Amino acid sequence: MYIIAIAWLYFVIMMAIVSDSIVVGLLRFVFLGAIPAGLLLWMALRRRQAQNEIIKEKAEAQSPNELDATPESQPTTPDSKP
């Protein structure tokens, strides 16, 4: 997904460079490149944050006691070394 965004930004930058004026070039870059790429990255980051929150909630719901377990609180067996 990122390679497509990079290629699109490269294409838009090249279009902006060959524009007739600096103002038209900047407007092309902003409206065809920066805003769409920023929106794409924002959506990808939001999706990743939501997935991380879901994974964290599932981990907390499955084993809240296992997260607090320390090696001292676990029972020892005769074969284990302290």
Foldseek 3Di string as FASTA:
>chain_A
DVVVLVVQLVVLQVVLVPDPDVVVSVVSNVPRRVVVSVVVVVVVVVVVVVVVVVVVVVVCVPPVPVVVDDPVPDDDDPPDDD
